[in-house]
Amino acid sequence: MMRRDGRRPPAVFALLLMAAVAGCYRPDERAGPRIAPQLVAVENGRLPAVAGMKLHVFNTGMNRVSSLLVGSPAPWRPAPAFVIERPGRELVVFDCGVGTEIARESEGALNPLTRLLFKTRSLPGKDLPAQMREAGLPPERVSHVILSHQHFDHVGSAEGFASASFIAGPQARESSRSRINGFEPAHTDWISDAAWFEVDFSKGEPYATFDRTIDLFGDRSVVLIKGGGHTPDGLGALLALANGPVLLAADLAVHFDWLRGDDVQRIVSDGDRAAEVRNRIREFMRLVPAAVVMPGHDLSQVPAGRDDIVRHHPELFLPQAWPIDSE
C-alpha cells in the first residue's frame, strides 16, 4: 500500500521491516540448571501462614502478544492486578494492571513499535482503582505498591495510588525510561524519590527454592523474589496466606504453558536467567504441591473455594468479557 506521495505509511513500513527481521518464529529452548530439591530456611518443611491475611484478585484487561514473539497460537491473556490484605495493616497492591488510556485507545495508546507487537483491550471503569472502590477496598488505604516490572500492563494504574510507597526491582526507574521496551506511557515518572524504593537483592538471602529474596515486612508475610529473566528489574512475591502459600509469579512465569515447556520465547531480556527462575518455580511447585501459583498472564487456576483468596468479577477472567478482535 502506497500513499499518493509515493511513500509507504509508517505502520506498513514498520510491519514489513519487522517481518523481514524476525522471520518465522523459532522456539528458544533453554533447559536451565537443575535446582536442589530442598526448601531453604523453611522450618520443618512448612511455610508460614498469617491468620486473616487475604489476597484479592482482579483482571483489568486482555493482551495478545504477536506470534513473532511467542509463536502460535498467540491467545488473548489477562492483565491481572492483586491487592493483599494484611490483618490490622494497610493494603498492599502487587501490580496495577492496564491504565485507563487502554480503555479509551486500546493499543493506540502505545508507541508504534509496541502496538505492532501487542494488542491490548480494557473497558471504562475496569481499571484497578475503580474495581477496588466497587469492592470496598479504597485505593487511599494502600500503603505499598509492589511493581513486578515496568511494562505498561503492570504499572498502568500507578497514578491511582498517589499516597503509597512504591517497591520496584533493581534499576527499575532507569528501565522505565526505555519506551522501546514497552515501558510506556511513563506511568511512574511522577513518583518522588522519597516514595520510590528499589530492592537490593544483593542483600537478599535464599528462601524456599529461590536464590535471592527479601522479606519485605520482616514477618515472612510478603517475600520478594528476584527475577531478572523477563526484564532486568523483575520480581515476584511469595505470600503467607492463612490457608497456604501463594506465589505471585508475575512475568517470572508468564503463563502455565511457560512452566510446562522449555521455550522462553522472544519476550525475555536474559534467556538463561529466565530458564533458571522458571526451574526454581517448578521445583517450588513440586516441593509445595499445596501452593497456588499465579503467573503474570494466566488466571486459569485461581481457586474458587478458599476464603483467603477473593476472585472479583471472575467473568472478567475470560476473553469474551472484553472488546477483543474476533480473529
C-alpha atoms as a PDB file:
ATOM      1  CA  MET A   1       0.000   0.000   0.000  1.00  0.00           C
ATOM      2  CA  MET A   2       1.429   3.373  -1.044  1.00  0.00           C
ATOM      3  CA  ARG A   3       0.438   6.929  -0.206  1.00  0.00           C
ATOM      4  CA  ARG A   4      -0.192   9.403  -3.001  1.00  0.00           C
ATOM      5  CA  ASP A   5       3.226  10.947  -2.387  1.00  0.00           C
ATOM      6  CA  GLY A   6       4.798   7.561  -3.183  1.00  0.00           C
ATOM      7  CA  ARG A   7       5.897   6.780   0.390  1.00  0.00           C
ATOM      8  CA  ARG A   8       4.703   3.837   2.456  1.00  0.00           C
ATOM      9  CA  PRO A   9       2.662   4.672   5.578  1.00  0.00           C
ATOM     10  CA  PRO A  10       4.907   4.347   8.663  1.00  0.00           C
ATOM     11  CA  ALA A  11       2.885   1.479  10.183  1.00  0.00           C
ATOM     12  CA  VAL A  12       3.011  -0.567   6.990  1.00  0.00           C
ATOM     13  CA  PHE A  13       6.749   0.052   6.619  1.00  0.00           C
ATOM     14  CA  ALA A  14       7.352  -0.994  10.226  1.00  0.00           C
ATOM     15  CA  LEU A  15       5.340  -4.180   9.720  1.00  0.00           C
ATOM     16  CA  LEU A  16       7.345  -5.104   6.638  1.00  0.00           C
ATOM     17  CA  LEU A  17      10.610  -4.347   8.419  1.00  0.00           C
ATOM     18  CA  MET A  18       9.603  -6.361  11.486  1.00  0.00           C
ATOM     19  CA  ALA A  19       8.594  -9.342   9.370  1.00  0.00           C
ATOM     20  CA  ALA A  20      11.839  -9.206   7.411  1.00  0.00           C
ATOM     21  CA  VAL A  21      13.952  -9.057  10.569  1.00  0.00           C
ATOM     22  CA  ALA A  22      12.054 -11.581  12.678  1.00  0.00           C
ATOM     23  CA  GLY A  23      11.156 -14.120  10.025  1.00  0.00           C
ATOM     24  CA  CYS A  24       9.307 -17.212  11.196  1.00  0.00           C
ATOM     25  CA  TYR A  25       9.103 -17.898  14.899  1.00  0.00           C
ATOM     26  CA  ARG A  26      11.652 -20.348  16.248  1.00  0.00           C
ATOM     27  CA  PRO A  27      11.434 -21.602  19.842  1.00  0.00           C
ATOM     28  CA  ASP A  28      14.199 -20.560  22.210  1.00  0.00           C
ATOM     29  CA  GLU A  29      14.625 -23.792  24.147  1.00  0.00           C
ATOM     30  CA  ARG A  30      16.525 -23.352  27.418  1.00  0.00           C
ATOM     31  CA  ALA A  31      16.633 -26.330  29.776  1.00  0.00           C
ATOM     32  CA  GLY A  32      18.216 -24.285  32.551  1.00  0.00           C
ATOM     33  CA  PRO A  33      20.059 -25.586  35.620  1.00  0.00           C
ATOM     34  CA  ARG A  34      18.893 -28.314  37.960  1.00  0.00           C
ATOM     35  CA  ILE A  35      17.552 -26.840  41.210  1.00  0.00           C
ATOM     36  CA  ALA A  36      18.368 -28.545  44.510  1.00  0.00           C
ATOM     37  CA  PRO A  37      15.299 -30.417  45.842  1.00  0.00           C
ATOM     38  CA  GLN A  38      15.108 -28.638  49.180  1.00  0.00           C
ATOM     39  CA  LEU A  39      13.300 -25.804  50.894  1.00  0.00           C
ATOM     40  CA  VAL A  40      15.986 -23.488  52.269  1.00  0.00           C
ATOM     41  CA  ALA A  41      15.350 -21.631  55.553  1.00  0.00           C
ATOM     42  CA  VAL A  42      11.929 -23.266  55.941  1.00  0.00           C
ATOM     43  CA  GLU A  43      11.418 -24.887  59.349  1.00  0.00           C
ATOM     44  CA  ASN A  44      10.198 -28.479  59.225  1.00  0.00           C
ATOM     45  CA  GLY A  45       9.413 -28.025  55.538  1.00  0.00           C
ATOM     46  CA  ARG A  46       6.351 -25.916  56.311  1.00  0.00           C
ATOM     47  CA  LEU A  47       5.962 -22.379  55.046  1.00  0.00           C
ATOM     48  CA  PRO A  48       4.461 -19.825  57.450  1.00  0.00           C
ATOM     49  CA  ALA A  49       0.800 -18.821  57.379  1.00  0.00           C
ATOM     50  CA  VAL A  50      -0.575 -15.484  58.590  1.00  0.00           C
ATOM     51  CA  ALA A  51      -4.063 -15.687  60.062  1.00  0.00           C
ATOM     52  CA  GLY A  52      -6.504 -13.265  58.483  1.00  0.00           C
ATOM     53  CA  MET A  53      -4.303 -12.433  55.501  1.00  0.00           C
ATOM     54  CA  LYS A  54      -6.204 -12.313  52.198  1.00  0.00           C
ATOM     55  CA  LEU A  55      -5.469 -11.905  48.509  1.00  0.00           C
ATOM     56  CA  HIS A  56      -7.879 -10.105  46.189  1.00  0.00           C
ATOM     57  CA  VAL A  57      -7.546 -10.998  42.504  1.00  0.00           C
ATOM     58  CA  PHE A  58      -8.694  -8.635  39.753  1.00  0.00           C
ATOM     59  CA  ASN A  59      -8.398  -8.602  35.981  1.00  0.00           C
ATOM     60  CA  THR A  60      -8.018  -5.245  34.252  1.00  0.00           C
ATOM     61  CA  GLY A  61      -7.987  -6.212  30.573  1.00  0.00           C
ATOM     62  CA  MET A  62      -6.640  -8.562  27.924  1.00  0.00           C
ATOM     63  CA  ASN A  63      -3.413  -8.664  25.904  1.00  0.00           C
ATOM     64  CA  ARG A  64      -2.311 -10.607  22.881  1.00  0.00           C
ATOM     65  CA  VAL A  65       1.377 -10.813  22.001  1.00  0.00           C
ATOM     66  CA  SER A  66       2.448 -11.170  18.378  1.00  0.00           C
ATOM     67  CA  SER A  67       3.195 -14.709  17.232  1.00  0.00           C
ATOM     68  CA  LEU A  68       6.568 -13.339  16.083  1.00  0.00           C
ATOM     69  CA  LEU A  69       7.473 -13.191  19.778  1.00  0.00           C
ATOM     70  CA  VAL A  70       5.655 -16.178  21.279  1.00  0.00           C
ATOM     71  CA  GLY A  71       4.807 -18.492  18.398  1.00  0.00           C
ATOM     72  CA  SER A  72       1.366 -19.861  17.584  1.00  0.00           C
ATOM     73  CA  PRO A  73      -1.213 -19.937  18.913  1.00  0.00           C
ATOM     74  CA  ALA A  74      -0.970 -16.476  20.451  1.00  0.00           C
ATOM     75  CA  PRO A  75      -4.129 -16.260  22.582  1.00  0.00           C
ATOM     76  CA  TRP A  76      -5.601 -13.331  24.431  1.00  0.00           C
ATOM     77  CA  ARG A  77      -4.381 -13.384  28.024  1.00  0.00           C
ATOM     78  CA  PRO A  78      -5.464 -11.447  31.146  1.00  0.00           C
ATOM     79  CA  ALA A  79      -3.696  -8.434  32.647  1.00  0.00           C
ATOM     80  CA  PRO A  80      -4.270  -9.071  36.363  1.00  0.00           C
ATOM     81  CA  ALA A  81      -3.658  -6.971  39.445  1.00  0.00           C
ATOM     82  CA  PHE A  82      -3.659  -8.012  43.093  1.00  0.00           C
ATOM     83  CA  VAL A  83      -4.485  -6.492  46.474  1.00  0.00           C
ATOM     84  CA  ILE A  84      -3.068  -8.006  49.658  1.00  0.00           C
ATOM     85  CA  GLU A  85      -4.864  -7.557  52.981  1.00  0.00           C
ATOM     86  CA  ARG A  86      -2.601  -7.953  55.993  1.00  0.00           C
ATOM     87  CA  PRO A  87      -4.670  -8.072  59.206  1.00  0.00           C
ATOM     88  CA  GLY A  88      -4.559  -4.795  61.097  1.00  0.00           C
ATOM     89  CA  ARG A  89      -2.488  -3.164  58.368  1.00  0.00           C
ATOM     90  CA  GLU A  90      -2.994  -1.033  55.302  1.00  0.00           C
ATOM     91  CA  LEU A  91      -3.498  -2.625  51.886  1.00  0.00           C
ATOM     92  CA  VAL A  92      -0.659  -3.677  49.592  1.00  0.00           C
ATOM     93  CA  VAL A  93      -1.010  -3.736  45.790  1.00  0.00           C
ATOM     94  CA  PHE A  94       1.008  -6.112  43.625  1.00  0.00           C
ATOM     95  CA  ASP A  95       0.973  -4.823  40.029  1.00  0.00           C
ATOM     96  CA  CYS A  96      -1.569  -2.296  38.791  1.00  0.00           C
ATOM     97  CA  GLY A  97      -2.770  -3.806  35.513  1.00  0.00           C
ATOM     98  CA  VAL A  98      -3.505  -1.635  32.490  1.00  0.00           C
ATOM     99  CA  GLY A  99      -4.390   2.043  32.710  1.00  0.00           C
ATOM    100  CA  THR A 100      -7.460   3.989  31.680  1.00  0.00           C
ATOM    101  CA  GLU A 101      -5.834   5.030  28.386  1.00  0.00           C
ATOM    102  CA  ILE A 102      -6.167   1.417  27.175  1.00  0.00           C
ATOM    103  CA  ALA A 103      -9.949   1.553  27.638  1.00  0.00           C
ATOM    104  CA  ARG A 104     -10.010   4.728  25.532  1.00  0.00           C
ATOM    105  CA  GLU A 105      -7.492   3.914  22.802  1.00  0.00           C
ATOM    106  CA  SER A 106      -6.556   0.204  23.070  1.00  0.00           C
ATOM    107  CA  GLU A 107      -3.035  -0.295  21.699  1.00  0.00           C
ATOM    108  CA  GLY A 108      -3.338   3.120  20.040  1.00  0.00           C
ATOM    109  CA  ALA A 109      -2.079   4.465  23.379  1.00  0.00           C
ATOM    110  CA  LEU A 110       1.251   2.676  22.896  1.00  0.00           C
ATOM    111  CA  ASN A 111       4.245   3.699  20.838  1.00  0.00           C
ATOM    112  CA  PRO A 112       4.226   2.497  17.203  1.00  0.00           C
ATOM    113  CA  LEU A 113       6.612  -0.428  17.665  1.00  0.00           C
ATOM    114  CA  THR A 114       4.908  -1.721  20.810  1.00  0.00           C
ATOM    115  CA  ARG A 115       1.456  -1.509  19.254  1.00  0.00           C
ATOM    116  CA  LEU A 116       2.654  -3.675  16.370  1.00  0.00           C
ATOM    117  CA  LEU A 117       3.778  -6.375  18.779  1.00  0.00           C
ATOM    118  CA  PHE A 118       0.935  -6.172  21.309  1.00  0.00           C
ATOM    119  CA  LYS A 119      -2.818  -5.890  21.146  1.00  0.00           C
ATOM    120  CA  THR A 120      -4.441  -4.771  24.357  1.00  0.00           C
ATOM    121  CA  ARG A 121      -8.019  -4.130  25.462  1.00  0.00           C
ATOM    122  CA  SER A 122      -9.845  -2.816  28.508  1.00  0.00           C
ATOM    123  CA  LEU A 123     -13.161  -1.142  29.381  1.00  0.00           C
ATOM    124  CA  PRO A 124     -14.108   2.071  31.186  1.00  0.00           C
ATOM    125  CA  GLY A 125     -14.407   1.549  34.919  1.00  0.00           C
ATOM    126  CA  LYS A 126     -12.417  -1.697  34.922  1.00  0.00           C
ATOM    127  CA  ASP A 127      -9.042  -0.277  35.939  1.00  0.00           C
ATOM    128  CA  LEU A 128      -7.753  -1.426  39.323  1.00  0.00           C
ATOM    129  CA  PRO A 129      -8.653   1.659  41.429  1.00  0.00           C
ATOM    130  CA  ALA A 130     -12.232   1.602  40.083  1.00  0.00           C
ATOM    131  CA  GLN A 131     -12.666  -2.104  40.790  1.00  0.00           C
ATOM    132  CA  MET A 132     -11.167  -1.692  44.244  1.00  0.00           C
ATOM    133  CA  ARG A 133     -13.651   1.023  45.152  1.00  0.00           C
ATOM    134  CA  GLU A 134     -16.508  -1.163  43.940  1.00  0.00           C
ATOM    135  CA  ALA A 135     -15.192  -3.968  46.160  1.00  0.00           C
ATOM    136  CA  GLY A 136     -14.948  -1.741  49.242  1.00  0.00           C
ATOM    137  CA  LEU A 137     -11.147  -1.531  49.124  1.00  0.00           C
ATOM    138  CA  PRO A 138     -10.362   2.203  48.948  1.00  0.00           C
ATOM    139  CA  PRO A 139      -7.163   2.934  46.992  1.00  0.00           C
ATOM    140  CA  GLU A 140      -6.375   5.537  49.659  1.00  0.00           C
ATOM    141  CA  ARG A 141      -5.780   2.663  52.113  1.00  0.00           C
ATOM    142  CA  VAL A 142      -2.878   1.321  50.032  1.00  0.00           C
ATOM    143  CA  SER A 143       0.433   1.834  51.805  1.00  0.00           C
ATOM    144  CA  HIS A 144       2.698  -0.010  49.355  1.00  0.00           C
ATOM    145  CA  VAL A 145       2.552  -0.790  45.655  1.00  0.00           C
ATOM    146  CA  ILE A 146       4.866  -3.584  44.506  1.00  0.00           C
ATOM    147  CA  LEU A 147       5.721  -3.351  40.820  1.00  0.00           C
ATOM    148  CA  SER A 148       6.905  -6.653  39.360  1.00  0.00           C
ATOM    149  CA  HIS A 149       8.425  -4.706  36.448  1.00  0.00           C
ATOM    150  CA  GLN A 150       7.776  -1.570  34.424  1.00  0.00           C
ATOM    151  CA  HIS A 151       5.832  -2.850  31.400  1.00  0.00           C
ATOM    152  CA  PHE A 152       2.693  -0.874  30.610  1.00  0.00           C
ATOM    153  CA  ASP A 153       0.307  -3.719  31.502  1.00  0.00           C
ATOM    154  CA  HIS A 154       1.724  -3.955  35.031  1.00  0.00           C
ATOM    155  CA  VAL A 155       2.053  -0.269  36.000  1.00  0.00           C
ATOM    156  CA  GLY A 156      -0.890   1.262  34.115  1.00  0.00           C
ATOM    157  CA  SER A 157      -2.882   2.438  37.154  1.00  0.00           C
ATOM    158  CA  ALA A 158       0.039   3.525  39.330  1.00  0.00           C
ATOM    159  CA  GLU A 159      -1.318   7.083  39.345  1.00  0.00           C
ATOM    160  CA  GLY A 160      -4.285   5.851  41.380  1.00  0.00           C
ATOM    161  CA  PHE A 161      -2.109   5.294  44.461  1.00  0.00           C
ATOM    162  CA  ALA A 162      -0.571   8.713  44.988  1.00  0.00           C
ATOM    163  CA  SER A 163      -0.127   8.321  48.763  1.00  0.00           C
ATOM    164  CA  ALA A 164       1.631   4.926  48.603  1.00  0.00           C
ATOM    165  CA  SER A 165       5.273   3.926  48.649  1.00  0.00           C
ATOM    166  CA  PHE A 166       6.394   2.093  45.514  1.00  0.00           C
ATOM    167  CA  ILE A 167       8.590  -1.009  45.669  1.00  0.00           C
ATOM    168  CA  ALA A 168      10.380  -1.950  42.440  1.00  0.00           C
ATOM    169  CA  GLY A 169      13.260  -4.120  41.280  1.00  0.00           C
ATOM    170  CA  PRO A 170      16.889  -3.134  40.649  1.00  0.00           C
ATOM    171  CA  GLN A 171      17.358  -0.197  38.266  1.00  0.00           C
ATOM    172  CA  ALA A 172      13.612  -0.100  37.624  1.00  0.00           C
ATOM    173  CA  ARG A 173      13.460   3.680  37.360  1.00  0.00           C
ATOM    174  CA  GLU A 174      16.181   3.686  34.744  1.00  0.00           C
ATOM    175  CA  SER A 175      14.403   0.907  32.838  1.00  0.00           C
ATOM    176  CA  SER A 176      11.100   2.781  32.875  1.00  0.00           C
ATOM    177  CA  ARG A 177      12.563   5.452  30.610  1.00  0.00           C
ATOM    178  CA  SER A 178      13.205   2.972  27.776  1.00  0.00           C
ATOM    179  CA  ARG A 179       9.997   3.249  25.742  1.00  0.00           C
ATOM    180  CA  ILE A 180      11.325   0.880  23.090  1.00  0.00           C
ATOM    181  CA  ASN A 181      10.997  -1.964  25.612  1.00  0.00           C
ATOM    182  CA  GLY A 182       7.315  -1.332  26.232  1.00  0.00           C
ATOM    183  CA  PHE A 183       7.816   0.806  29.342  1.00  0.00           C
ATOM    184  CA  GLU A 184       5.121   3.256  28.387  1.00  0.00           C
ATOM    185  CA  PRO A 185       3.491   5.583  28.843  1.00  0.00           C
ATOM    186  CA  ALA A 186       5.812   6.644  31.677  1.00  0.00           C
ATOM    187  CA  HIS A 187       3.301   5.853  34.426  1.00  0.00           C
ATOM    188  CA  THR A 188       5.877   6.050  37.208  1.00  0.00           C
ATOM    189  CA  ASP A 189       7.887   9.169  36.345  1.00  0.00           C
ATOM    190  CA  TRP A 190       5.714  11.286  38.640  1.00  0.00           C
ATOM    191  CA  ILE A 191       6.647   9.280  41.753  1.00  0.00           C
ATOM    192  CA  SER A 192       9.011  11.201  44.024  1.00  0.00           C
ATOM    193  CA  ASP A 193      12.363   9.779  45.041  1.00  0.00           C
ATOM    194  CA  ALA A 194      11.108   9.730  48.645  1.00  0.00           C
ATOM    195  CA  ALA A 195       8.295   7.342  47.699  1.00  0.00           C
ATOM    196  CA  TRP A 196      10.348   5.140  45.340  1.00  0.00           C
ATOM    197  CA  PHE A 197      12.303   2.158  46.670  1.00  0.00           C
ATOM    198  CA  GLU A 198      14.325  -0.265  44.557  1.00  0.00           C
ATOM    199  CA  VAL A 199      15.050  -3.673  46.057  1.00  0.00           C
ATOM    200  CA  ASP A 200      18.705  -4.535  46.515  1.00  0.00           C
ATOM    201  CA  PHE A 201      18.718  -8.286  46.042  1.00  0.00           C
ATOM    202  CA  SER A 202      22.477  -8.413  46.655  1.00  0.00           C
ATOM    203  CA  LYS A 203      21.476  -8.171  50.326  1.00  0.00           C
ATOM    204  CA  GLY A 204      18.890 -10.896  49.945  1.00  0.00           C
ATOM    205  CA  GLU A 205      19.048 -14.490  51.136  1.00  0.00           C
ATOM    206  CA  PRO A 206      17.961 -17.853  49.713  1.00  0.00           C
ATOM    207  CA  TYR A 207      14.480 -18.905  50.742  1.00  0.00           C
ATOM    208  CA  ALA A 208      12.460 -21.964  49.718  1.00  0.00           C
ATOM    209  CA  THR A 209      13.769 -22.746  46.204  1.00  0.00           C
ATOM    210  CA  PHE A 210      14.693 -19.158  45.332  1.00  0.00           C
ATOM    211  CA  ASP A 211      18.264 -17.867  45.289  1.00  0.00           C
ATOM    212  CA  ARG A 212      17.700 -14.252  46.334  1.00  0.00           C
ATOM    213  CA  THR A 213      14.759 -12.981  48.368  1.00  0.00           C
ATOM    214  CA  ILE A 214      13.866 -10.016  50.570  1.00  0.00           C
ATOM    215  CA  ASP A 215      11.425 -10.306  53.490  1.00  0.00           C
ATOM    216  CA  LEU A 216       9.544  -7.074  52.818  1.00  0.00           C
ATOM    217  CA  PHE A 217       7.882  -6.585  56.214  1.00  0.00           C
ATOM    218  CA  GLY A 218      10.131  -8.782  58.370  1.00  0.00           C
ATOM    219  CA  ASP A 219       7.441 -11.370  59.175  1.00  0.00           C
ATOM    220  CA  ARG A 220       7.547 -13.605  56.071  1.00  0.00           C
ATOM    221  CA  SER A 221       4.063 -12.408  55.104  1.00  0.00           C
ATOM    222  CA  VAL A 222       5.368 -10.987  51.810  1.00  0.00           C
ATOM    223  CA  VAL A 223       8.698 -12.277  50.498  1.00  0.00           C
ATOM    224  CA  LEU A 224      10.035 -10.653  47.331  1.00  0.00           C
ATOM    225  CA  ILE A 225      11.732 -12.959  44.825  1.00  0.00           C
ATOM    226  CA  LYS A 226      14.488 -11.933  42.448  1.00  0.00           C
ATOM    227  CA  GLY A 227      13.710 -12.356  38.748  1.00  0.00           C
ATOM    228  CA  GLY A 228      15.904 -10.852  36.075  1.00  0.00           C
ATOM    229  CA  GLY A 229      14.966 -13.017  33.106  1.00  0.00           C
ATOM    230  CA  HIS A 230      11.917 -11.322  31.596  1.00  0.00           C
ATOM    231  CA  THR A 231      13.286  -7.878  32.469  1.00  0.00           C
ATOM    232  CA  PRO A 232      16.379  -6.921  34.491  1.00  0.00           C
ATOM    233  CA  ASP A 233      14.207  -5.369  37.227  1.00  0.00           C
ATOM    234  CA  GLY A 234      11.695  -8.219  37.506  1.00  0.00           C
ATOM    235  CA  LEU A 235      10.472  -9.630  40.804  1.00  0.00           C
ATOM    236  CA  GLY A 236       7.757 -11.876  42.212  1.00  0.00           C
ATOM    237  CA  ALA A 237       6.192 -12.284  45.651  1.00  0.00           C
ATOM    238  CA  LEU A 238       5.541 -15.264  47.922  1.00  0.00           C
ATOM    239  CA  LEU A 239       2.561 -14.678  50.220  1.00  0.00           C
ATOM    240  CA  ALA A 240       1.966 -16.460  53.534  1.00  0.00           C
ATOM    241  CA  LEU A 241      -1.816 -16.746  53.257  1.00  0.00           C
ATOM    242  CA  ALA A 242      -3.751 -18.417  56.043  1.00  0.00           C
ATOM    243  CA  ASN A 243      -4.767 -21.480  54.018  1.00  0.00           C
ATOM    244  CA  GLY A 244      -1.493 -21.991  52.180  1.00  0.00           C
ATOM    245  CA  PRO A 245       1.179 -20.084  50.275  1.00  0.00           C
ATOM    246  CA  VAL A 246       0.533 -18.176  47.067  1.00  0.00           C
ATOM    247  CA  LEU A 247       3.265 -17.301  44.596  1.00  0.00           C
ATOM    248  CA  LEU A 248       2.581 -14.178  42.547  1.00  0.00           C
ATOM    249  CA  ALA A 249       4.994 -15.013  39.753  1.00  0.00           C
ATOM    250  CA  ALA A 250       4.255 -12.030  37.528  1.00  0.00           C
ATOM    251  CA  ASP A 251       6.277 -12.409  34.319  1.00  0.00           C
ATOM    252  CA  LEU A 252       8.873 -14.572  36.007  1.00  0.00           C
ATOM    253  CA  ALA A 253       6.472 -17.169  34.589  1.00  0.00           C
ATOM    254  CA  VAL A 254       4.184 -15.557  32.036  1.00  0.00           C
ATOM    255  CA  HIS A 255       1.625 -18.389  31.900  1.00  0.00           C
ATOM    256  CA  PHE A 256       1.330 -22.083  32.761  1.00  0.00           C
ATOM    257  CA  ASP A 257       2.401 -23.149  29.260  1.00  0.00           C
ATOM    258  CA  TRP A 258       5.700 -21.432  30.047  1.00  0.00           C
ATOM    259  CA  LEU A 259       6.116 -23.655  33.104  1.00  0.00           C
ATOM    260  CA  ARG A 260       5.297 -26.832  31.175  1.00  0.00           C
ATOM    261  CA  GLY A 261       7.927 -26.385  28.462  1.00  0.00           C
ATOM    262  CA  ASP A 262      11.453 -25.072  27.963  1.00  0.00           C
ATOM    263  CA  ASP A 263      10.721 -22.359  25.378  1.00  0.00           C
ATOM    264  CA  VAL A 264      11.451 -18.960  26.929  1.00  0.00           C
ATOM    265  CA  GLN A 265      10.137 -17.283  23.748  1.00  0.00           C
ATOM    266  CA  ARG A 266      11.322 -13.912  22.447  1.00  0.00           C
ATOM    267  CA  ILE A 267       9.995 -11.889  25.347  1.00  0.00           C
ATOM    268  CA  VAL A 268      12.954 -12.140  27.718  1.00  0.00           C
ATOM    269  CA  SER A 269      15.985  -9.952  28.300  1.00  0.00           C
ATOM    270  CA  ASP A 270      18.095 -12.831  29.647  1.00  0.00           C
ATOM    271  CA  GLY A 271      17.077 -16.287  28.428  1.00  0.00           C
ATOM    272  CA  ASP A 272      19.398 -18.208  30.747  1.00  0.00           C
ATOM    273  CA  ARG A 273      18.165 -16.388  33.834  1.00  0.00           C
ATOM    274  CA  ALA A 274      14.548 -16.788  32.701  1.00  0.00           C
ATOM    275  CA  ALA A 275      15.079 -20.553  32.441  1.00  0.00           C
ATOM    276  CA  GLU A 276      16.695 -20.709  35.878  1.00  0.00           C
ATOM    277  CA  VAL A 277      13.883 -18.793  37.566  1.00  0.00           C
ATOM    278  CA  ARG A 278      11.318 -20.944  35.736  1.00  0.00           C
ATOM    279  CA  ASN A 279      13.050 -24.060  37.085  1.00  0.00           C
ATOM    280  CA  ARG A 280      13.053 -22.629  40.604  1.00  0.00           C
ATOM    281  CA  ILE A 281       9.305 -22.106  40.344  1.00  0.00           C
ATOM    282  CA  ARG A 282       8.846 -25.650  39.012  1.00  0.00           C
ATOM    283  CA  GLU A 283      10.797 -27.111  41.931  1.00  0.00           C
ATOM    284  CA  PHE A 284       8.817 -24.972  44.370  1.00  0.00           C
ATOM    285  CA  MET A 285       5.580 -26.335  42.912  1.00  0.00           C
ATOM    286  CA  ARG A 286       6.895 -29.887  43.242  1.00  0.00           C
ATOM    287  CA  LEU A 287       8.025 -29.479  46.846  1.00  0.00           C
ATOM    288  CA  VAL A 288       4.962 -27.472  47.942  1.00  0.00           C
ATOM    289  CA  PRO A 289       2.090 -29.052  45.997  1.00  0.00           C
ATOM    290  CA  ALA A 290      -0.486 -27.146  48.057  1.00  0.00           C
ATOM    291  CA  ALA A 291       0.909 -23.802  46.900  1.00  0.00           C
ATOM    292  CA  VAL A 292      -1.116 -21.706  44.464  1.00  0.00           C
ATOM    293  CA  VAL A 293       0.942 -20.214  41.637  1.00  0.00           C
ATOM    294  CA  MET A 294      -0.415 -17.236  39.711  1.00  0.00           C
ATOM    295  CA  PRO A 295       1.625 -16.456  36.564  1.00  0.00           C
ATOM    296  CA  GLY A 296       1.747 -12.975  35.137  1.00  0.00           C
ATOM    297  CA  HIS A 297      -0.919 -13.524  32.482  1.00  0.00           C
ATOM    298  CA  ASP A 298      -2.866 -16.635  33.433  1.00  0.00           C
ATOM    299  CA  LEU A 299      -5.826 -16.762  35.826  1.00  0.00           C
ATOM    300  CA  SER A 300      -6.941 -20.238  34.819  1.00  0.00           C
ATOM    301  CA  GLN A 301      -6.032 -21.834  38.154  1.00  0.00           C
ATOM    302  CA  VAL A 302      -7.182 -19.260  40.710  1.00  0.00           C
ATOM    303  CA  PRO A 303      -9.021 -21.420  43.273  1.00  0.00           C
ATOM    304  CA  ALA A 304     -12.676 -20.699  43.920  1.00  0.00           C
ATOM    305  CA  GLY A 305     -13.043 -22.474  47.265  1.00  0.00           C
ATOM    306  CA  ARG A 306     -10.649 -20.567  49.524  1.00  0.00           C
ATOM    307  CA  ASP A 307     -11.861 -17.820  51.826  1.00  0.00           C
ATOM    308  CA  ASP A 308      -8.404 -16.211  51.826  1.00  0.00           C
ATOM    309  CA  ILE A 309      -8.401 -15.752  48.031  1.00  0.00           C
ATOM    310  CA  VAL A 310     -11.168 -13.494  46.716  1.00  0.00           C
ATOM    311  CA  ARG A 311     -11.863 -13.562  42.973  1.00  0.00           C
ATOM    312  CA  HIS A 312     -13.511 -10.287  41.950  1.00  0.00           C
ATOM    313  CA  HIS A 313     -15.681 -10.472  38.836  1.00  0.00           C
ATOM    314  CA  PRO A 314     -14.466 -13.910  37.720  1.00  0.00           C
ATOM    315  CA  GLU A 315     -16.391 -13.354  34.486  1.00  0.00           C
ATOM    316  CA  LEU A 316     -13.724 -10.759  33.630  1.00  0.00           C
ATOM    317  CA  PHE A 317     -11.097 -13.506  33.709  1.00  0.00           C
ATOM    318  CA  LEU A 318     -12.435 -14.687  30.312  1.00  0.00           C
ATOM    319  CA  PRO A 319     -11.542 -13.092  26.944  1.00  0.00           C
ATOM    320  CA  GLN A 320     -15.158 -12.810  25.809  1.00  0.00           C
ATOM    321  CA  ALA A 321     -15.842 -10.241  28.542  1.00  0.00           C
ATOM    322  CA  TRP A 322     -13.612  -7.743  26.740  1.00  0.00           C
ATOM    323  CA  PRO A 323     -13.845  -5.979  23.338  1.00  0.00           C
ATOM    324  CA  ILE A 324     -11.327  -8.239  21.630  1.00  0.00           C
ATOM    325  CA  ASP A 325     -10.951  -8.916  17.921  1.00  0.00           C
ATOM    326  CA  SER A 326     -12.873 -11.860  16.511  1.00  0.00           C
ATOM    327  CA  GLU A 327      -9.949 -13.411  14.661  1.00  0.00           C
END
